N, C-alpha and C. Protein backbone atom coordinates (compact mmCIF):
# COMPACT_ATOMS: atom_id res chain seq x y z
N MET A 1 -21.99 41.41 -43.14
CA MET A 1 -20.38 41.96 -43.60
C MET A 1 -19.64 40.87 -44.25
N LEU A 2 -19.47 41.13 -45.26
CA LEU A 2 -18.49 40.30 -45.88
C LEU A 2 -17.33 39.77 -45.35
N ASN A 3 -16.56 40.38 -44.28
CA ASN A 3 -15.37 40.02 -43.82
C ASN A 3 -15.57 39.78 -42.26
N ALA A 4 -15.68 38.87 -41.71
CA ALA A 4 -15.97 38.60 -40.15
C ALA A 4 -14.96 39.42 -39.39
N ARG A 5 -13.72 39.35 -39.98
CA ARG A 5 -12.93 40.20 -38.98
C ARG A 5 -13.14 41.74 -39.01
N TYR A 6 -13.75 42.19 -40.17
CA TYR A 6 -13.83 43.78 -40.10
C TYR A 6 -14.14 44.51 -38.98
N ASP A 7 -13.51 45.54 -38.59
CA ASP A 7 -13.92 46.23 -37.19
C ASP A 7 -14.08 47.71 -37.72
N ALA A 8 -15.56 48.13 -37.70
CA ALA A 8 -15.74 49.32 -38.00
C ALA A 8 -14.93 50.78 -37.18
N ARG A 9 -14.42 50.22 -36.16
CA ARG A 9 -13.79 51.17 -35.30
C ARG A 9 -12.13 51.46 -36.13
N SER A 10 -11.90 50.61 -36.68
CA SER A 10 -10.71 50.81 -37.41
C SER A 10 -10.35 51.51 -38.72
N SER A 11 -11.61 51.22 -39.46
CA SER A 11 -11.74 51.62 -40.85
C SER A 11 -13.49 52.11 -41.25
N PRO A 12 -13.64 52.75 -41.50
CA PRO A 12 -15.17 53.42 -41.77
C PRO A 12 -15.47 52.10 -43.23
N ALA A 13 -14.58 51.70 -44.14
CA ALA A 13 -15.10 50.89 -45.31
C ALA A 13 -13.43 50.50 -45.60
N PHE A 14 -13.51 49.20 -46.46
CA PHE A 14 -12.72 49.03 -47.12
C PHE A 14 -13.03 48.06 -48.44
N THR A 15 -12.18 47.94 -49.35
CA THR A 15 -12.34 47.17 -50.65
C THR A 15 -11.34 45.90 -50.71
N ARG A 16 -11.80 44.99 -51.20
CA ARG A 16 -10.89 43.64 -51.29
C ARG A 16 -11.43 43.24 -52.87
N ALA A 17 -10.08 43.26 -53.78
CA ALA A 17 -10.77 43.01 -54.89
C ALA A 17 -12.18 43.86 -55.39
N ASP A 18 -13.43 42.81 -55.93
CA ASP A 18 -14.66 43.52 -56.18
C ASP A 18 -15.64 43.88 -55.08
N ALA A 19 -15.14 43.30 -53.88
CA ALA A 19 -16.15 43.42 -52.38
C ALA A 19 -15.78 44.66 -51.83
N LEU A 20 -16.72 45.60 -51.59
CA LEU A 20 -16.80 46.76 -50.96
C LEU A 20 -17.50 46.47 -49.54
N THR A 21 -16.88 46.69 -48.24
CA THR A 21 -17.46 46.45 -47.01
C THR A 21 -17.62 47.55 -46.29
N PHE A 22 -18.35 47.98 -46.03
CA PHE A 22 -18.75 49.39 -44.86
C PHE A 22 -19.78 48.86 -44.11
N ASP A 23 -19.93 49.84 -43.29
CA ASP A 23 -21.27 49.88 -42.12
C ASP A 23 -22.25 51.12 -42.80
N PRO A 24 -23.47 50.27 -42.91
CA PRO A 24 -24.24 50.98 -43.58
C PRO A 24 -24.93 52.35 -42.63
N ARG A 25 -24.39 51.87 -41.32
CA ARG A 25 -24.93 53.03 -40.37
C ARG A 25 -24.13 54.08 -40.23
N ALA A 26 -23.01 54.24 -40.83
CA ALA A 26 -21.91 54.99 -40.87
C ALA A 26 -22.40 56.83 -41.56
N GLY A 27 -22.15 57.86 -40.78
CA GLY A 27 -23.08 58.88 -41.34
C GLY A 27 -22.42 59.38 -42.63
N MET A 28 -21.09 58.87 -43.17
CA MET A 28 -20.60 59.49 -44.22
C MET A 28 -21.12 59.28 -45.87
N GLY A 29 -22.18 58.29 -45.85
CA GLY A 29 -23.13 57.93 -47.04
C GLY A 29 -22.65 57.92 -48.15
N GLN A 30 -23.11 58.56 -49.15
CA GLN A 30 -22.83 58.23 -50.72
C GLN A 30 -21.10 58.90 -51.16
N SER A 31 -20.58 59.74 -50.34
CA SER A 31 -19.12 60.15 -50.58
C SER A 31 -18.31 58.91 -49.98
N LEU A 32 -18.53 58.14 -49.20
CA LEU A 32 -17.76 56.71 -48.96
C LEU A 32 -18.02 56.12 -49.93
N ILE A 33 -19.16 55.52 -50.31
CA ILE A 33 -19.54 54.76 -51.11
C ILE A 33 -18.48 55.27 -52.54
N GLY A 34 -18.96 56.40 -53.00
CA GLY A 34 -18.43 56.78 -54.22
C GLY A 34 -16.43 56.46 -53.81
N HIS A 35 -15.98 56.56 -52.70
CA HIS A 35 -14.48 56.60 -52.45
C HIS A 35 -14.10 55.40 -52.77
N GLU A 36 -14.68 54.75 -52.28
CA GLU A 36 -14.39 52.94 -51.99
C GLU A 36 -14.73 52.26 -53.37
N LEU A 37 -15.69 52.80 -54.15
CA LEU A 37 -15.91 52.32 -55.40
C LEU A 37 -14.64 52.73 -56.42
N THR A 38 -14.32 53.84 -56.49
CA THR A 38 -12.93 54.24 -57.02
C THR A 38 -11.70 53.20 -56.71
N HIS A 39 -11.62 52.98 -55.73
CA HIS A 39 -10.58 51.83 -55.31
C HIS A 39 -10.76 50.55 -56.04
N VAL A 40 -12.15 49.83 -56.00
CA VAL A 40 -12.49 49.02 -56.81
C VAL A 40 -12.03 48.98 -58.19
N VAL A 41 -12.25 50.10 -59.17
CA VAL A 41 -11.85 50.35 -60.35
C VAL A 41 -10.44 50.28 -60.37
N GLN A 42 -9.71 50.81 -59.70
CA GLN A 42 -8.19 50.91 -59.56
C GLN A 42 -7.28 49.74 -59.10
N GLN A 43 -8.15 48.72 -58.77
CA GLN A 43 -7.75 47.26 -58.41
C GLN A 43 -7.96 46.34 -59.45
N ARG A 44 -8.82 46.83 -60.50
CA ARG A 44 -9.09 46.12 -61.76
C ARG A 44 -7.85 46.38 -62.56
N LYS A 45 -7.46 47.26 -62.63
CA LYS A 45 -6.70 47.43 -63.72
C LYS A 45 -5.19 46.78 -63.56
């Protein structure tokens, strides 16, 4: 994981700058990745 302090119980995923951190074992799959990538794009603006 990108952040050693990340706790999968508190959030299934998060973004910081261009980094997307998530538990690949989470059952949310592609929709979770798409949602978080939207935040990456928003943070670049």
